[in-house]
mmCIF file of all heavy atoms, coordinates in Angstrom:
data_MODEL
# 
_entry.id   MODEL 
# 
loop_
_atom_site.group_PDB 
_atom_site.id 
_atom_site.type_symbol 
_atom_site.label_atom_id 
_atom_site.label_alt_id 
_atom_site.label_comp_id 
_atom_site.label_asym_id 
_atom_site.label_entity_id 
_atom_site.label_seq_id 
_atom_site.pdbx_PDB_ins_code 
_atom_site.Cartn_x 
_atom_site.Cartn_y 
_atom_site.Cartn_z 
_atom_site.occupancy 
_atom_site.B_iso_or_equiv 
_atom_site.pdbx_formal_charge 
_atom_site.auth_seq_id 
_atom_site.auth_comp_id 
_atom_site.auth_asym_id 
_atom_site.auth_atom_id 
_atom_site.pdbx_PDB_model_num 
ATOM 1   N N   . THR A 1 1  ? -51.859 57.307 -168.509 1.00 0.00 ? 1  THR A N   1 
ATOM 2   C CA  . THR A 1 1  ? -52.611 58.131 -167.577 1.00 0.00 ? 1  THR A CA  1 
ATOM 3   C C   . THR A 1 1  ? -52.184 57.715 -166.162 1.00 0.00 ? 1  THR A C   1 
ATOM 4   O O   . THR A 1 1  ? -52.253 56.406 -165.710 1.00 0.00 ? 1  THR A O   1 
ATOM 5   C CB  . THR A 1 1  ? -54.039 57.765 -167.713 1.00 0.00 ? 1  THR A CB  1 
ATOM 6   O OG1 . THR A 1 1  ? -54.526 58.094 -168.995 1.00 0.00 ? 1  THR A OG1 1 
ATOM 7   C CG2 . THR A 1 1  ? -54.900 58.539 -166.665 1.00 0.00 ? 1  THR A CG2 1 
ATOM 8   N N   . GLY A 1 2  ? -51.756 58.674 -165.334 1.00 0.00 ? 2  GLY A N   1 
ATOM 9   C CA  . GLY A 1 2  ? -51.368 58.486 -163.950 1.00 0.00 ? 2  GLY A CA  1 
ATOM 10  C C   . GLY A 1 2  ? -50.225 57.633 -163.687 1.00 0.00 ? 2  GLY A C   1 
ATOM 11  O O   . GLY A 1 2  ? -49.859 57.265 -162.522 1.00 0.00 ? 2  GLY A O   1 
ATOM 12  N N   . ASN A 1 3  ? -49.279 57.438 -164.642 1.00 0.00 ? 3  ASN A N   1 
ATOM 13  C CA  . ASN A 1 3  ? -48.046 56.564 -164.544 1.00 0.00 ? 3  ASN A CA  1 
ATOM 14  C C   . ASN A 1 3  ? -46.859 57.386 -165.101 1.00 0.00 ? 3  ASN A C   1 
ATOM 15  O O   . ASN A 1 3  ? -47.031 58.244 -165.972 1.00 0.00 ? 3  ASN A O   1 
ATOM 16  C CB  . ASN A 1 3  ? -48.220 55.265 -165.320 1.00 0.00 ? 3  ASN A CB  1 
ATOM 17  C CG  . ASN A 1 3  ? -49.198 54.282 -164.742 1.00 0.00 ? 3  ASN A CG  1 
ATOM 18  O OD1 . ASN A 1 3  ? -49.378 54.301 -163.421 1.00 0.00 ? 3  ASN A OD1 1 
ATOM 19  N ND2 . ASN A 1 3  ? -49.928 53.638 -165.476 1.00 0.00 ? 3  ASN A ND2 1 
ATOM 20  N N   . ASN A 1 4  ? -45.747 56.971 -164.593 1.00 0.00 ? 4  ASN A N   1 
ATOM 21  C CA  . ASN A 1 4  ? -44.447 57.263 -165.196 1.00 0.00 ? 4  ASN A CA  1 
ATOM 22  C C   . ASN A 1 4  ? -44.193 56.387 -166.330 1.00 0.00 ? 4  ASN A C   1 
ATOM 23  O O   . ASN A 1 4  ? -43.790 55.194 -166.032 1.00 0.00 ? 4  ASN A O   1 
ATOM 24  C CB  . ASN A 1 4  ? -43.357 57.293 -164.251 1.00 0.00 ? 4  ASN A CB  1 
ATOM 25  C CG  . ASN A 1 4  ? -43.687 58.304 -163.044 1.00 0.00 ? 4  ASN A CG  1 
ATOM 26  O OD1 . ASN A 1 4  ? -43.660 59.574 -163.151 1.00 0.00 ? 4  ASN A OD1 1 
ATOM 27  N ND2 . ASN A 1 4  ? -43.930 57.871 -161.870 1.00 0.00 ? 4  ASN A ND2 1 
ATOM 28  N N   . ALA A 1 5  ? -44.193 56.868 -167.562 1.00 0.00 ? 5  ALA A N   1 
ATOM 29  C CA  . ALA A 1 5  ? -44.214 55.961 -168.591 1.00 0.00 ? 5  ALA A CA  1 
ATOM 30  C C   . ALA A 1 5  ? -42.938 55.646 -169.288 1.00 0.00 ? 5  ALA A C   1 
ATOM 31  O O   . ALA A 1 5  ? -42.705 55.280 -170.371 1.00 0.00 ? 5  ALA A O   1 
ATOM 32  C CB  . ALA A 1 5  ? -45.210 56.433 -169.790 1.00 0.00 ? 5  ALA A CB  1 
ATOM 33  N N   . TYR A 1 6  ? -41.758 55.798 -168.366 1.00 0.00 ? 6  TYR A N   1 
ATOM 34  C CA  . TYR A 1 6  ? -40.420 55.469 -168.846 1.00 0.00 ? 6  TYR A CA  1 
ATOM 35  C C   . TYR A 1 6  ? -40.291 54.024 -169.335 1.00 0.00 ? 6  TYR A C   1 
ATOM 36  O O   . TYR A 1 6  ? -39.526 53.831 -170.391 1.00 0.00 ? 6  TYR A O   1 
ATOM 37  C CB  . TYR A 1 6  ? -39.387 55.975 -167.855 1.00 0.00 ? 6  TYR A CB  1 
ATOM 38  C CG  . TYR A 1 6  ? -39.488 55.064 -166.652 1.00 0.00 ? 6  TYR A CG  1 
ATOM 39  C CD1 . TYR A 1 6  ? -38.901 53.887 -166.361 1.00 0.00 ? 6  TYR A CD1 1 
ATOM 40  C CD2 . TYR A 1 6  ? -40.172 55.736 -165.430 1.00 0.00 ? 6  TYR A CD2 1 
ATOM 41  C CE1 . TYR A 1 6  ? -39.051 53.188 -165.188 1.00 0.00 ? 6  TYR A CE1 1 
ATOM 42  C CE2 . TYR A 1 6  ? -40.426 54.947 -164.338 1.00 0.00 ? 6  TYR A CE2 1 
ATOM 43  C CZ  . TYR A 1 6  ? -39.761 53.682 -164.140 1.00 0.00 ? 6  TYR A CZ  1 
ATOM 44  O OH  . TYR A 1 6  ? -39.838 52.932 -162.996 1.00 0.00 ? 6  TYR A OH  1 
ATOM 45  N N   . GLY A 1 7  ? -40.918 53.167 -168.593 1.00 0.00 ? 7  GLY A N   1 
ATOM 46  C CA  . GLY A 1 7  ? -40.758 51.774 -168.923 1.00 0.00 ? 7  GLY A CA  1 
ATOM 47  C C   . GLY A 1 7  ? -41.235 51.500 -170.352 1.00 0.00 ? 7  GLY A C   1 
ATOM 48  O O   . GLY A 1 7  ? -40.572 50.712 -171.167 1.00 0.00 ? 7  GLY A O   1 
ATOM 49  N N   . SER A 1 8  ? -42.390 52.059 -170.748 1.00 0.00 ? 8  SER A N   1 
ATOM 50  C CA  . SER A 1 8  ? -42.864 51.852 -172.070 1.00 0.00 ? 8  SER A CA  1 
ATOM 51  C C   . SER A 1 8  ? -42.121 52.392 -173.160 1.00 0.00 ? 8  SER A C   1 
ATOM 52  O O   . SER A 1 8  ? -41.745 51.805 -174.276 1.00 0.00 ? 8  SER A O   1 
ATOM 53  C CB  . SER A 1 8  ? -44.271 52.445 -172.208 1.00 0.00 ? 8  SER A CB  1 
ATOM 54  O OG  . SER A 1 8  ? -45.144 51.785 -171.408 1.00 0.00 ? 8  SER A OG  1 
ATOM 55  N N   . ALA A 1 9  ? -41.433 53.641 -172.926 1.00 0.00 ? 9  ALA A N   1 
ATOM 56  C CA  . ALA A 1 9  ? -40.625 54.376 -173.886 1.00 0.00 ? 9  ALA A CA  1 
ATOM 57  C C   . ALA A 1 9  ? -39.315 53.602 -174.026 1.00 0.00 ? 9  ALA A C   1 
ATOM 58  O O   . ALA A 1 9  ? -38.880 53.357 -175.134 1.00 0.00 ? 9  ALA A O   1 
ATOM 59  C CB  . ALA A 1 9  ? -40.316 55.733 -173.322 1.00 0.00 ? 9  ALA A CB  1 
ATOM 60  N N   . LEU A 1 10 ? -38.716 53.116 -172.984 1.00 0.00 ? 10 LEU A N   1 
ATOM 61  C CA  . LEU A 1 10 ? -37.428 52.427 -173.059 1.00 0.00 ? 10 LEU A CA  1 
ATOM 62  C C   . LEU A 1 10 ? -37.589 51.023 -173.690 1.00 0.00 ? 10 LEU A C   1 
ATOM 63  O O   . LEU A 1 10 ? -36.870 50.503 -174.554 1.00 0.00 ? 10 LEU A O   1 
ATOM 64  C CB  . LEU A 1 10 ? -36.799 52.124 -171.594 1.00 0.00 ? 10 LEU A CB  1 
ATOM 65  C CG  . LEU A 1 10 ? -36.235 53.387 -171.012 1.00 0.00 ? 10 LEU A CG  1 
ATOM 66  C CD1 . LEU A 1 10 ? -35.891 53.180 -169.468 1.00 0.00 ? 10 LEU A CD1 1 
ATOM 67  C CD2 . LEU A 1 10 ? -35.072 54.021 -171.791 1.00 0.00 ? 10 LEU A CD2 1 
ATOM 68  N N   . SER A 1 11 ? -38.761 50.317 -173.370 1.00 0.00 ? 11 SER A N   1 
ATOM 69  C CA  . SER A 1 11 ? -39.015 49.051 -174.047 1.00 0.00 ? 11 SER A CA  1 
ATOM 70  C C   . SER A 1 11 ? -39.277 49.234 -175.522 1.00 0.00 ? 11 SER A C   1 
ATOM 71  O O   . SER A 1 11 ? -38.735 48.402 -176.253 1.00 0.00 ? 11 SER A O   1 
ATOM 72  C CB  . SER A 1 11 ? -40.054 48.301 -173.435 1.00 0.00 ? 11 SER A CB  1 
ATOM 73  O OG  . SER A 1 11 ? -41.302 48.961 -173.573 1.00 0.00 ? 11 SER A OG  1 
ATOM 74  N N   . GLN A 1 12 ? -39.922 50.249 -175.979 1.00 0.00 ? 12 GLN A N   1 
ATOM 75  C CA  . GLN A 1 12 ? -40.146 50.506 -177.410 1.00 0.00 ? 12 GLN A CA  1 
ATOM 76  C C   . GLN A 1 12 ? -38.809 50.872 -178.048 1.00 0.00 ? 12 GLN A C   1 
ATOM 77  O O   . GLN A 1 12 ? -38.567 50.346 -179.228 1.00 0.00 ? 12 GLN A O   1 
ATOM 78  C CB  . GLN A 1 12 ? -41.148 51.679 -177.572 1.00 0.00 ? 12 GLN A CB  1 
ATOM 79  C CG  . GLN A 1 12 ? -41.638 51.922 -178.916 1.00 0.00 ? 12 GLN A CG  1 
ATOM 80  C CD  . GLN A 1 12 ? -42.730 50.930 -179.401 1.00 0.00 ? 12 GLN A CD  1 
ATOM 81  O OE1 . GLN A 1 12 ? -42.523 49.754 -179.313 1.00 0.00 ? 12 GLN A OE1 1 
ATOM 82  N NE2 . GLN A 1 12 ? -43.752 51.547 -179.868 1.00 0.00 ? 12 GLN A NE2 1 
ATOM 83  N N   . ILE A 1 13 ? -37.868 51.549 -177.567 1.00 0.00 ? 13 ILE A N   1 
ATOM 84  C CA  . ILE A 1 13 ? -36.706 51.845 -178.137 1.00 0.00 ? 13 ILE A CA  1 
ATOM 85  C C   . ILE A 1 13 ? -35.900 50.534 -178.250 1.00 0.00 ? 13 ILE A C   1 
ATOM 86  O O   . ILE A 1 13 ? -35.429 50.370 -179.386 1.00 0.00 ? 13 ILE A O   1 
ATOM 87  C CB  . ILE A 1 13 ? -35.870 52.849 -177.202 1.00 0.00 ? 13 ILE A CB  1 
ATOM 88  C CG1 . ILE A 1 13 ? -36.460 54.322 -177.295 1.00 0.00 ? 13 ILE A CG1 1 
ATOM 89  C CG2 . ILE A 1 13 ? -34.334 52.796 -177.544 1.00 0.00 ? 13 ILE A CG2 1 
ATOM 90  C CD1 . ILE A 1 13 ? -35.861 55.267 -176.292 1.00 0.00 ? 13 ILE A CD1 1 
ATOM 91  N N   . VAL A 1 14 ? -35.777 49.808 -177.258 1.00 0.00 ? 14 VAL A N   1 
ATOM 92  C CA  . VAL A 1 14 ? -35.032 48.521 -177.384 1.00 0.00 ? 14 VAL A CA  1 
ATOM 93  C C   . VAL A 1 14 ? -35.749 47.584 -178.498 1.00 0.00 ? 14 VAL A C   1 
ATOM 94  O O   . VAL A 1 14 ? -34.995 46.909 -179.307 1.00 0.00 ? 14 VAL A O   1 
ATOM 95  C CB  . VAL A 1 14 ? -35.031 47.761 -176.041 1.00 0.00 ? 14 VAL A CB  1 
ATOM 96  C CG1 . VAL A 1 14 ? -34.475 46.363 -176.178 1.00 0.00 ? 14 VAL A CG1 1 
ATOM 97  C CG2 . VAL A 1 14 ? -34.202 48.524 -174.980 1.00 0.00 ? 14 VAL A CG2 1 
ATOM 98  N N   . ARG A 1 15 ? -37.015 47.595 -178.453 1.00 0.00 ? 15 ARG A N   1 
ATOM 99  C CA  . ARG A 1 15 ? -37.617 46.787 -179.583 1.00 0.00 ? 15 ARG A CA  1 
ATOM 100 C C   . ARG A 1 15 ? -37.345 47.190 -180.994 1.00 0.00 ? 15 ARG A C   1 
ATOM 101 O O   . ARG A 1 15 ? -37.063 46.559 -181.865 1.00 0.00 ? 15 ARG A O   1 
ATOM 102 C CB  . ARG A 1 15 ? -39.253 46.714 -179.293 1.00 0.00 ? 15 ARG A CB  1 
ATOM 103 C CG  . ARG A 1 15 ? -39.976 45.987 -180.378 1.00 0.00 ? 15 ARG A CG  1 
ATOM 104 C CD  . ARG A 1 15 ? -41.396 45.608 -179.975 1.00 0.00 ? 15 ARG A CD  1 
ATOM 105 N NE  . ARG A 1 15 ? -42.140 46.825 -180.144 1.00 0.00 ? 15 ARG A NE  1 
ATOM 106 C CZ  . ARG A 1 15 ? -42.840 47.205 -181.187 1.00 0.00 ? 15 ARG A CZ  1 
ATOM 107 N NH1 . ARG A 1 15 ? -42.625 46.449 -182.395 1.00 0.00 ? 15 ARG A NH1 1 
ATOM 108 N NH2 . ARG A 1 15 ? -43.538 48.239 -181.285 1.00 0.00 ? 15 ARG A NH2 1 
ATOM 109 N N   . PHE A 1 16 ? -37.443 48.639 -181.118 1.00 0.00 ? 16 PHE A N   1 
ATOM 110 C CA  . PHE A 1 16 ? -37.132 49.225 -182.406 1.00 0.00 ? 16 PHE A CA  1 
ATOM 111 C C   . PHE A 1 16 ? -35.648 49.008 -182.811 1.00 0.00 ? 16 PHE A C   1 
ATOM 112 O O   . PHE A 1 16 ? -35.327 48.822 -183.978 1.00 0.00 ? 16 PHE A O   1 
ATOM 113 C CB  . PHE A 1 16 ? -37.494 50.695 -182.412 1.00 0.00 ? 16 PHE A CB  1 
ATOM 114 C CG  . PHE A 1 16 ? -38.944 51.004 -182.547 1.00 0.00 ? 16 PHE A CG  1 
ATOM 115 C CD1 . PHE A 1 16 ? -39.399 52.264 -182.314 1.00 0.00 ? 16 PHE A CD1 1 
ATOM 116 C CD2 . PHE A 1 16 ? -39.817 49.998 -183.046 1.00 0.00 ? 16 PHE A CD2 1 
ATOM 117 C CE1 . PHE A 1 16 ? -40.732 52.625 -182.473 1.00 0.00 ? 16 PHE A CE1 1 
ATOM 118 C CE2 . PHE A 1 16 ? -41.135 50.282 -183.175 1.00 0.00 ? 16 PHE A CE2 1 
ATOM 119 C CZ  . PHE A 1 16 ? -41.606 51.650 -182.905 1.00 0.00 ? 16 PHE A CZ  1 
ATOM 120 N N   . ILE A 1 17 ? -34.706 49.002 -181.900 1.00 0.00 ? 17 ILE A N   1 
ATOM 121 C CA  . ILE A 1 17 ? -33.289 48.762 -182.235 1.00 0.00 ? 17 ILE A CA  1 
ATOM 122 C C   . ILE A 1 17 ? -33.191 47.311 -182.701 1.00 0.00 ? 17 ILE A C   1 
ATOM 123 O O   . ILE A 1 17 ? -32.578 47.014 -183.728 1.00 0.00 ? 17 ILE A O   1 
ATOM 124 C CB  . ILE A 1 17 ? -32.478 48.862 -180.959 1.00 0.00 ? 17 ILE A CB  1 
ATOM 125 C CG1 . ILE A 1 17 ? -32.405 50.298 -180.527 1.00 0.00 ? 17 ILE A CG1 1 
ATOM 126 C CG2 . ILE A 1 17 ? -31.046 48.300 -181.108 1.00 0.00 ? 17 ILE A CG2 1 
ATOM 127 C CD1 . ILE A 1 17 ? -31.715 50.546 -179.103 1.00 0.00 ? 17 ILE A CD1 1 
ATOM 128 N N   . ALA A 1 18 ? -33.900 46.373 -182.057 1.00 0.00 ? 18 ALA A N   1 
ATOM 129 C CA  . ALA A 1 18 ? -33.869 44.929 -182.416 1.00 0.00 ? 18 ALA A CA  1 
ATOM 130 C C   . ALA A 1 18 ? -34.425 44.844 -183.903 1.00 0.00 ? 18 ALA A C   1 
ATOM 131 O O   . ALA A 1 18 ? -34.019 43.959 -184.573 1.00 0.00 ? 18 ALA A O   1 
ATOM 132 C CB  . ALA A 1 18 ? -34.604 44.081 -181.562 1.00 0.00 ? 18 ALA A CB  1 
ATOM 133 N N   . GLU A 1 19 ? -35.508 45.594 -184.177 1.00 0.00 ? 19 GLU A N   1 
ATOM 134 C CA  . GLU A 1 19 ? -36.186 45.443 -185.565 1.00 0.00 ? 19 GLU A CA  1 
ATOM 135 C C   . GLU A 1 19 ? -35.598 46.393 -186.473 1.00 0.00 ? 19 GLU A C   1 
ATOM 136 O O   . GLU A 1 19 ? -35.865 46.380 -187.644 1.00 0.00 ? 19 GLU A O   1 
ATOM 137 C CB  . GLU A 1 19 ? -37.699 45.894 -185.261 1.00 0.00 ? 19 GLU A CB  1 
ATOM 138 C CG  . GLU A 1 19 ? -38.513 44.872 -184.419 1.00 0.00 ? 19 GLU A CG  1 
ATOM 139 C CD  . GLU A 1 19 ? -39.929 45.454 -184.133 1.00 0.00 ? 19 GLU A CD  1 
ATOM 140 O OE1 . GLU A 1 19 ? -40.182 46.521 -184.622 1.00 0.00 ? 19 GLU A OE1 1 
ATOM 141 O OE2 . GLU A 1 19 ? -40.616 44.711 -183.651 1.00 0.00 ? 19 GLU A OE2 1 
ATOM 142 N N   . GLN A 1 20 ? -34.540 47.033 -186.117 1.00 0.00 ? 20 GLN A N   1 
ATOM 143 C CA  . GLN A 1 20 ? -33.774 48.003 -186.886 1.00 0.00 ? 20 GLN A CA  1 
ATOM 144 C C   . GLN A 1 20 ? -34.528 49.052 -187.575 1.00 0.00 ? 20 GLN A C   1 
ATOM 145 O O   . GLN A 1 20 ? -34.331 49.472 -188.707 1.00 0.00 ? 20 GLN A O   1 
ATOM 146 C CB  . GLN A 1 20 ? -32.990 47.119 -188.025 1.00 0.00 ? 20 GLN A CB  1 
ATOM 147 C CG  . GLN A 1 20 ? -31.912 46.219 -187.509 1.00 0.00 ? 20 GLN A CG  1 
ATOM 148 C CD  . GLN A 1 20 ? -31.152 45.596 -188.641 1.00 0.00 ? 20 GLN A CD  1 
ATOM 149 O OE1 . GLN A 1 20 ? -31.681 44.722 -189.401 1.00 0.00 ? 20 GLN A OE1 1 
ATOM 150 N NE2 . GLN A 1 20 ? -29.952 45.949 -188.651 1.00 0.00 ? 20 GLN A NE2 1 
ATOM 151 N N   . ASN A 1 21 ? -35.547 49.500 -186.831 1.00 0.00 ? 21 ASN A N   1 
ATOM 152 C CA  . ASN A 1 21 ? -36.383 50.681 -187.379 1.00 0.00 ? 21 ASN A CA  1 
ATOM 153 C C   . ASN A 1 21 ? -35.528 51.848 -187.526 1.00 0.00 ? 21 ASN A C   1 
ATOM 154 O O   . ASN A 1 21 ? -36.043 52.710 -188.453 1.00 0.00 ? 21 ASN A O   1 
ATOM 155 C CB  . ASN A 1 21 ? -37.671 50.978 -186.347 1.00 0.00 ? 21 ASN A CB  1 
ATOM 156 C CG  . ASN A 1 21 ? -38.660 49.886 -186.400 1.00 0.00 ? 21 ASN A CG  1 
ATOM 157 O OD1 . ASN A 1 21 ? -38.364 48.664 -186.726 1.00 0.00 ? 21 ASN A OD1 1 
ATOM 158 N ND2 . ASN A 1 21 ? -39.874 50.261 -186.210 1.00 0.00 ? 21 ASN A ND2 1 
ATOM 159 N N   . ASP A 1 22 ? -34.517 52.147 -186.814 1.00 0.00 ? 22 ASP A N   1 
ATOM 160 C CA  . ASP A 1 22 ? -33.743 53.305 -187.023 1.00 0.00 ? 22 ASP A CA  1 
ATOM 161 C C   . ASP A 1 22 ? -33.062 53.289 -188.331 1.00 0.00 ? 22 ASP A C   1 
ATOM 162 O O   . ASP A 1 22 ? -33.081 54.321 -189.110 1.00 0.00 ? 22 ASP A O   1 
ATOM 163 C CB  . ASP A 1 22 ? -32.619 53.468 -185.875 1.00 0.00 ? 22 ASP A CB  1 
ATOM 164 C CG  . ASP A 1 22 ? -31.976 52.210 -185.569 1.00 0.00 ? 22 ASP A CG  1 
ATOM 165 O OD1 . ASP A 1 22 ? -32.341 51.016 -185.975 1.00 0.00 ? 22 ASP A OD1 1 
ATOM 166 O OD2 . ASP A 1 22 ? -30.819 52.234 -184.980 1.00 0.00 ? 22 ASP A OD2 1 
ATOM 167 N N   . ILE A 1 23 ? -32.539 52.179 -188.695 1.00 0.00 ? 23 ILE A N   1 
ATOM 168 C CA  . ILE A 1 23 ? -31.983 51.904 -190.054 1.00 0.00 ? 23 ILE A CA  1 
ATOM 169 C C   . ILE A 1 23 ? -33.007 52.067 -191.248 1.00 0.00 ? 23 ILE A C   1 
ATOM 170 O O   . ILE A 1 23 ? -32.743 52.782 -192.181 1.00 0.00 ? 23 ILE A O   1 
ATOM 171 C CB  . ILE A 1 23 ? -31.280 50.565 -190.188 1.00 0.00 ? 23 ILE A CB  1 
ATOM 172 C CG1 . ILE A 1 23 ? -30.220 50.365 -189.007 1.00 0.00 ? 23 ILE A CG1 1 
ATOM 173 C CG2 . ILE A 1 23 ? -30.550 50.421 -191.498 1.00 0.00 ? 23 ILE A CG2 1 
ATOM 174 C CD1 . ILE A 1 23 ? -29.235 51.431 -188.897 1.00 0.00 ? 23 ILE A CD1 1 
ATOM 175 N N   . ALA A 1 24 ? -34.139 51.561 -190.945 1.00 0.00 ? 24 ALA A N   1 
ATOM 176 C CA  . ALA A 1 24 ? -35.240 51.589 -191.945 1.00 0.00 ? 24 ALA A CA  1 
ATOM 177 C C   . ALA A 1 24 ? -35.689 53.018 -192.243 1.00 0.00 ? 24 ALA A C   1 
ATOM 178 O O   . ALA A 1 24 ? -36.043 53.382 -193.295 1.00 0.00 ? 24 ALA A O   1 
ATOM 179 C CB  . ALA A 1 24 ? -36.452 50.733 -191.514 1.00 0.00 ? 24 ALA A CB  1 
ATOM 180 N N   . ASP A 1 25 ? -35.543 53.905 -191.167 1.00 0.00 ? 25 ASP A N   1 
ATOM 181 C CA  . ASP A 1 25 ? -35.951 55.254 -191.219 1.00 0.00 ? 25 ASP A CA  1 
ATOM 182 C C   . ASP A 1 25 ? -34.952 56.085 -192.098 1.00 0.00 ? 25 ASP A C   1 
ATOM 183 O O   . ASP A 1 25 ? -35.172 57.248 -192.575 1.00 0.00 ? 25 ASP A O   1 
ATOM 184 C CB  . ASP A 1 25 ? -36.043 55.848 -189.918 1.00 0.00 ? 25 ASP A CB  1 
ATOM 185 C CG  . ASP A 1 25 ? -37.373 55.598 -189.256 1.00 0.00 ? 25 ASP A CG  1 
ATOM 186 O OD1 . ASP A 1 25 ? -38.310 55.076 -189.974 1.00 0.00 ? 25 ASP A OD1 1 
ATOM 187 O OD2 . ASP A 1 25 ? -37.558 55.867 -188.006 1.00 0.00 ? 25 ASP A OD2 1 
ATOM 188 N N   . LEU A 1 26 ? -33.842 55.505 -192.443 1.00 0.00 ? 26 LEU A N   1 
ATOM 189 C CA  . LEU A 1 26 ? -32.644 56.373 -193.162 1.00 0.00 ? 26 LEU A CA  1 
ATOM 190 C C   . LEU A 1 26 ? -33.092 56.651 -194.602 1.00 0.00 ? 26 LEU A C   1 
ATOM 191 O O   . LEU A 1 26 ? -32.486 57.525 -195.102 1.00 0.00 ? 26 LEU A O   1 
ATOM 192 C CB  . LEU A 1 26 ? -31.456 55.554 -193.037 1.00 0.00 ? 26 LEU A CB  1 
ATOM 193 C CG  . LEU A 1 26 ? -30.805 55.385 -191.544 1.00 0.00 ? 26 LEU A CG  1 
ATOM 194 C CD1 . LEU A 1 26 ? -29.481 54.642 -191.650 1.00 0.00 ? 26 LEU A CD1 1 
ATOM 195 C CD2 . LEU A 1 26 ? -30.785 56.644 -190.780 1.00 0.00 ? 26 LEU A CD2 1 
ATOM 196 N N   . VAL A 1 27 ? -33.977 55.988 -195.134 1.00 0.00 ? 27 VAL A N   1 
ATOM 197 C CA  . VAL A 1 27 ? -34.232 56.207 -196.513 1.00 0.00 ? 27 VAL A CA  1 
ATOM 198 C C   . VAL A 1 27 ? -34.775 57.513 -196.740 1.00 0.00 ? 27 VAL A C   1 
ATOM 199 O O   . VAL A 1 27 ? -34.181 58.300 -197.649 1.00 0.00 ? 27 VAL A O   1 
ATOM 200 C CB  . VAL A 1 27 ? -35.373 55.234 -197.037 1.00 0.00 ? 27 VAL A CB  1 
ATOM 201 C CG1 . VAL A 1 27 ? -35.740 55.501 -198.478 1.00 0.00 ? 27 VAL A CG1 1 
ATOM 202 C CG2 . VAL A 1 27 ? -34.901 53.780 -196.909 1.00 0.00 ? 27 VAL A CG2 1 
# 
C-alpha cells in the first residue's frame, strides 16, 4: 500500500533462486 514494491519483488526472486524454487516447479 502506497509504495513501489519492486524491492520486495526482486528480493523474493533472488530468494527463490537461492532456494531453487524455479527448479522445484519443473515437476
